[in-house]
Amino acid sequence: QECIGFCIYPTAVYFNHSCRPNVAKVRSGREMAFIATTYIEKEEEMLISYGCITDPLSERRDRLAEYFFFTCNCSRCVAESIALVEKI
């Protein structure tokens, strides 16, 4: 997979990341739209994924750390981390 460049979508910077997002980003050419994927309660944070959410926990966290400089502690990552510890 080859990265051919980066761009900034000003509206996208208002969203935080979750591996269990409630908003999907949809690209069409040079435009991007955001669509709710679940019912969002009043005052609930709207979250997008910064990457591929089908990857295993360690791969998701490694990619986010490398490209976005944070360790993901979203509800899904925390739950998966706890499940891994409980298996030991």
Protein backbone atom coordinates (compact mmCIF):
# COMPACT_ATOMS: atom_id res chain seq x y z
CA GLN A 1 0.00 0.00 0.00
CA GLU A 2 1.45 3.34 -1.05
CA CYS A 3 0.64 6.69 0.51
CA ILE A 4 0.33 9.30 -2.23
CA GLY A 5 -0.25 12.32 -0.03
CA PHE A 6 -2.12 13.94 2.79
CA CYS A 7 -4.86 16.53 2.86
CA ILE A 8 -6.75 18.48 5.47
CA TYR A 9 -10.52 18.41 5.67
CA PRO A 10 -11.41 21.30 7.99
CA THR A 11 -14.75 19.75 9.03
CA ALA A 12 -13.10 16.42 9.88
CA VAL A 13 -10.84 17.94 12.52
CA TYR A 14 -13.82 18.43 14.81
CA PHE A 15 -14.21 14.67 15.35
CA ASN A 16 -12.31 12.56 17.85
CA HIS A 17 -11.41 8.94 17.15
CA SER A 18 -13.04 5.74 18.32
CA CYS A 19 -12.62 2.15 17.18
CA ARG A 20 -16.38 1.98 17.75
CA PRO A 21 -17.41 5.11 15.81
CA ASN A 22 -20.96 6.42 15.61
CA VAL A 23 -20.28 8.50 12.49
CA ALA A 24 -18.90 7.33 9.15
CA LYS A 25 -16.91 9.52 6.83
CA VAL A 26 -17.79 9.10 3.17
CA ARG A 27 -15.49 10.46 0.49
CA SER A 28 -16.63 11.39 -2.99
CA GLY A 29 -13.81 12.80 -5.06
CA ARG A 30 -12.43 15.77 -3.14
CA GLU A 31 -15.48 16.06 -0.87
CA MET A 32 -16.26 14.34 2.40
CA ALA A 33 -19.60 13.80 4.13
CA PHE A 34 -20.33 12.53 7.63
CA ILE A 35 -23.22 10.17 8.27
CA ALA A 36 -24.48 8.92 11.64
CA THR A 37 -24.29 5.13 11.81
CA THR A 38 -26.25 4.85 15.07
CA TYR A 39 -28.73 6.97 16.98
CA ILE A 40 -26.77 9.74 18.69
CA GLU A 41 -28.15 11.08 21.96
CA LYS A 42 -28.24 14.79 22.69
CA GLU A 43 -24.83 15.82 24.13
CA GLU A 44 -23.27 12.49 23.03
CA GLU A 45 -19.89 12.91 21.35
CA MET A 46 -19.80 12.20 17.63
CA LEU A 47 -16.82 9.95 16.84
CA ILE A 48 -15.14 8.80 13.63
CA SER A 49 -12.47 6.18 13.06
CA TYR A 50 -9.01 7.36 12.05
CA GLY A 51 -8.22 4.01 10.45
CA CYS A 52 -9.28 0.45 9.77
CA ILE A 53 -11.44 -0.77 12.64
CA THR A 54 -11.42 -4.40 11.48
CA ASP A 55 -7.76 -4.86 12.47
CA PRO A 56 -6.84 -6.52 15.78
CA LEU A 57 -6.33 -4.33 18.86
CA SER A 58 -2.52 -4.27 18.72
CA GLU A 59 -2.46 -3.29 15.03
CA ARG A 60 -5.03 -0.52 15.54
CA ARG A 61 -3.13 0.89 18.51
CA ASP A 62 0.25 0.63 16.79
CA ARG A 63 -1.03 2.47 13.70
CA LEU A 64 -2.69 5.21 15.75
CA ALA A 65 0.48 5.67 17.82
CA GLU A 66 2.66 5.84 14.70
CA TYR A 67 0.51 8.18 12.62
CA PHE A 68 -1.55 10.11 15.18
CA PHE A 69 0.73 9.96 18.25
CA PHE A 70 -1.71 8.62 20.82
CA THR A 71 -2.65 5.33 22.46
CA CYS A 72 -6.28 4.59 21.83
CA ASN A 73 -8.33 4.11 24.98
CA CYS A 74 -11.77 4.16 23.39
CA SER A 75 -14.47 1.93 24.88
CA ARG A 76 -13.75 -0.86 22.39
CA CYS A 77 -9.98 -0.87 22.99
CA VAL A 78 -10.46 -0.86 26.76
CA ALA A 79 -12.94 -3.75 26.55
CA GLU A 80 -10.63 -5.76 24.28
CA SER A 81 -7.65 -5.07 26.57
CA ILE A 82 -9.59 -6.32 29.59
CA ALA A 83 -10.66 -9.44 27.68
CA LEU A 84 -7.03 -10.18 26.80
CA VAL A 85 -5.92 -9.83 30.43
CA GLU A 86 -8.77 -12.07 31.60
CA LYS A 87 -7.64 -14.82 29.20
CA ILE A 88 -4.24 -14.99 30.90
